[in-house]
Protein backbone atom coordinates (compact mmCIF):
# COMPACT_ATOMS: atom_id res chain seq x y z
CA UNK A 1 48.87 -24.01 41.74
CA UNK A 2 52.18 -24.29 39.76
CA UNK A 3 53.98 -22.16 38.14
CA UNK A 4 57.45 -22.20 35.85
CA UNK A 5 60.32 -20.23 36.05
CA UNK A 6 60.54 -17.62 33.12
CA UNK A 7 63.78 -18.86 30.51
CA UNK A 8 66.51 -16.29 31.68
CA UNK A 9 69.32 -14.86 29.63
CA UNK A 10 73.18 -15.99 31.16
CA UNK A 11 74.72 -14.73 34.12
CA UNK A 12 73.27 -15.45 38.38
CA UNK A 13 70.32 -14.35 40.68
CA UNK A 14 70.33 -14.30 43.97
CA UNK A 15 67.50 -16.86 45.22
CA UNK A 16 66.29 -17.73 47.96
CA UNK A 17 63.15 -20.77 48.52
CA UNK A 18 60.68 -19.66 50.98
CA UNK A 19 57.01 -20.43 52.25
CA UNK A 20 55.01 -17.65 50.14
CA UNK A 21 51.68 -16.10 51.93
CA UNK A 22 48.41 -15.79 50.87
CA UNK A 23 47.05 -12.39 50.65
CA UNK A 24 45.03 -13.08 54.13
CA UNK A 25 48.00 -14.39 55.94
CA UNK A 26 50.08 -11.42 54.43
CA UNK A 27 47.40 -8.99 56.03
CA UNK A 28 47.94 -11.01 59.56
CA UNK A 29 51.61 -10.44 59.37
CA UNK A 30 51.57 -6.87 58.29
CA UNK A 31 49.26 -6.36 61.24
CA UNK A 32 51.79 -7.63 63.74
CA UNK A 33 54.69 -5.49 62.01
CA UNK A 34 52.18 -2.50 62.73
CA UNK A 35 51.63 -3.22 65.88
CA UNK A 36 55.48 -2.81 67.00
CA UNK A 37 56.55 0.82 67.87
CA UNK A 38 59.85 0.59 65.49
CA UNK A 39 62.48 3.19 65.97
CA UNK A 40 62.48 5.79 63.41
CA UNK A 41 65.73 4.45 62.06
CA UNK A 42 64.08 0.97 61.37
CA UNK A 43 63.37 -0.16 58.02
CA UNK A 44 60.24 -2.39 57.96
CA UNK A 45 59.66 -5.38 55.45
CA UNK A 46 57.13 -4.26 53.14
CA UNK A 47 53.77 -6.24 52.68
CA UNK A 48 54.84 -7.90 49.07
CA UNK A 49 58.06 -9.14 50.86
CA UNK A 50 56.67 -10.48 53.77
CA UNK A 51 57.69 -14.54 53.89
CA UNK A 52 59.20 -17.11 55.70
CA UNK A 53 62.65 -18.32 54.20
CA UNK A 54 63.08 -22.41 54.07
CA UNK A 55 66.55 -22.07 52.65
CA UNK A 56 68.65 -19.22 51.25
CA UNK A 57 70.32 -20.38 47.72
CA UNK A 58 72.53 -17.05 46.92
CA UNK A 59 74.58 -16.79 43.33
CA UNK A 60 73.30 -19.50 41.21
CA UNK A 61 73.28 -19.51 37.51
CA UNK A 62 70.50 -18.14 35.41
CA UNK A 63 70.53 -20.95 33.09
CA UNK A 64 69.98 -23.90 35.51
CA UNK A 65 67.02 -22.22 37.29
CA UNK A 66 64.24 -24.36 35.31
CA UNK A 67 66.51 -27.36 36.28
CA UNK A 68 66.61 -26.22 39.75
CA UNK A 69 62.76 -25.87 40.13
CA UNK A 70 61.98 -29.57 38.06
CA UNK A 71 63.98 -31.06 40.98
CA UNK A 72 62.25 -29.03 43.67
CA UNK A 73 58.68 -29.78 41.88
CA UNK A 74 59.34 -33.45 42.89
CA UNK A 75 59.57 -32.70 46.44
CA UNK A 76 56.40 -34.32 47.99
CA UNK A 77 53.15 -31.79 49.01
CA UNK A 78 52.47 -32.32 52.78
CA UNK A 79 50.60 -29.42 54.54
CA UNK A 80 52.47 -27.27 56.84
CA UNK A 81 50.98 -25.30 59.77
CA UNK A 82 52.91 -22.59 61.35
CA UNK A 83 51.65 -20.56 64.64
CA UNK A 84 53.37 -18.22 66.06
CA UNK A 85 53.42 -16.56 69.14
CA UNK A 86 57.20 -14.94 69.88
CA UNK A 87 58.93 -12.18 68.49
CA UNK A 88 62.27 -11.60 69.02
CA UNK A 89 65.24 -9.04 67.84
CA UNK A 90 68.01 -10.93 66.36
CA UNK A 91 71.66 -9.44 65.59
CA UNK A 92 71.47 -5.79 64.04
CA UNK A 93 68.23 -5.17 65.17
CA UNK A 94 66.35 -7.41 62.87
CA UNK A 95 62.74 -8.07 64.51
CA UNK A 96 61.26 -11.51 64.03
CA UNK A 97 58.05 -13.66 64.15
CA UNK A 98 59.23 -16.77 65.47
CA UNK A 99 57.20 -20.27 64.56
CA UNK A 100 56.92 -23.14 66.54
CA UNK A 101 58.46 -26.34 65.12
CA UNK A 102 55.61 -28.54 63.16
CA UNK A 103 56.44 -31.70 61.57
CA UNK A 104 55.43 -30.89 58.25
CA UNK A 105 57.36 -27.78 57.65
CA UNK A 106 60.31 -29.54 59.61
CA UNK A 107 59.99 -32.62 56.32
CA UNK A 108 59.46 -29.79 53.80
CA UNK A 109 63.28 -28.13 54.95
CA UNK A 110 64.88 -31.77 54.78
CA UNK A 111 62.95 -32.05 51.25
CA UNK A 112 64.20 -29.27 49.66
CA UNK A 113 67.26 -29.26 51.38
CA UNK A 114 68.30 -32.49 49.84
CA UNK A 115 67.09 -31.62 46.60
CA UNK A 116 69.31 -28.34 46.67
CA UNK A 117 72.43 -30.30 47.72
CA UNK A 118 71.66 -32.53 45.03
CA UNK A 119 71.98 -29.78 42.90
CA UNK A 120 75.49 -28.36 44.20
CA UNK A 121 73.85 -25.60 46.66
CA UNK A 122 75.65 -25.92 50.04
CA UNK A 123 73.03 -25.34 53.03
CA UNK A 124 73.33 -23.27 55.93
CA UNK A 125 75.06 -24.80 58.70
CA UNK A 126 73.13 -23.34 61.11
CA UNK A 127 69.68 -24.71 62.86
CA UNK A 128 66.63 -23.98 61.00
CA UNK A 129 64.88 -21.23 62.62
CA UNK A 130 61.06 -20.67 60.97
CA UNK A 131 60.29 -17.46 60.98
CA UNK A 132 59.02 -14.08 58.75
CA UNK A 133 61.21 -10.82 59.01
CA UNK A 134 59.33 -7.96 59.95
CA UNK A 135 61.65 -5.06 59.99
CA UNK A 136 65.31 -4.41 60.08
CA UNK A 137 67.81 -1.82 61.97
CA UNK A 138 65.27 -1.86 65.16
CA UNK A 139 68.07 -1.93 67.65
CA UNK A 140 67.15 -0.77 70.87
CA UNK A 141 63.37 -2.17 70.02
CA UNK A 142 61.24 -3.10 73.55
CA UNK A 143 59.41 -5.95 72.45
CA UNK A 144 56.55 -7.23 74.28
CA UNK A 145 56.52 -10.46 75.64
CA UNK A 146 54.40 -12.05 73.33
CA UNK A 147 52.74 -11.85 69.99
CA UNK A 148 49.40 -12.28 69.28
CA UNK A 149 48.77 -15.46 68.25
CA UNK A 150 49.31 -16.28 64.44
CA UNK A 151 48.41 -19.75 62.44
CA UNK A 152 49.65 -19.86 58.94
CA UNK A 153 48.48 -22.83 57.06
CA UNK A 154 50.79 -22.91 53.93
CA UNK A 155 49.44 -23.39 50.97
CA UNK A 156 52.34 -22.17 48.49
CA UNK A 157 56.40 -22.70 48.13
CA UNK A 158 58.42 -20.28 45.97
CA UNK A 159 61.81 -20.09 44.69
CA UNK A 160 62.28 -16.08 44.47
CA UNK A 161 64.95 -14.12 43.14
CA UNK A 162 66.31 -11.04 45.79
CA UNK A 163 67.67 -7.46 43.82
CA UNK A 164 68.37 -4.41 45.14
CA UNK A 165 65.58 -5.39 48.22
CA UNK A 166 62.94 -6.42 45.79
CA UNK A 167 61.76 -9.98 45.80
CA UNK A 168 60.18 -11.63 42.54
CA UNK A 169 58.94 -14.66 42.89
CA UNK A 170 60.01 -16.80 39.89
CA UNK A 171 58.26 -20.04 40.49
CA UNK A 172 55.55 -21.30 42.79
CA UNK A 173 53.70 -24.62 44.01
CA UNK A 174 51.15 -25.76 46.19
CA UNK A 175 52.66 -27.64 48.98
CA UNK A 176 49.68 -29.32 50.64
C-alpha cells in the first residue's frame, strides 16, 4: 500500500509521522483501553485515533507536504515487531501502552528522523519512547501491574494531520 498526499492549498498543517495499526491491532489496542477503569474526567482516545507516533513534526507548510512524503518514501522498508506488556501514566494523566525496544523500530525511527532533519524539521530532543496513548486526563488512575501482552507487526507508516482532535492520514506506505 502506498498513497500520496493530496495537493493542498497554501497555509500550514500540524503533522506527525506514525505507525498506523491494521484493523485487528486497532481492536486489540481498544480492548486494552476499554479494560481500564478510567475516571469520569478521563478522555479515552477514539479507536480511529489509536497509533504509535514515530515523530511529531508540528506546523508544516502545505505546499511542502508532497516533497516531504517523497523523501520519506525513500526510507528502506523493514519489519517492525512491537511487543507491549506495560501500562504507564505520564504527566497530566496520559495513559500509555509502552512497547519494548525493537531493532527494526529503532532503525525506522532513526532513518525517518534523518529525513525530517534534512527537510529542516527539528526533532524532539527527548529519548524515543514507543507507545500508544490510550487516554488523557486520567490522573489518579490505578493501573494494573502489567498489561495484557500485545504483539503488533506494524505494516504501515503514515503521515498524519492533526486538527481539533481529529486525525487524517494524508499518505501511507508499507514498512515491511
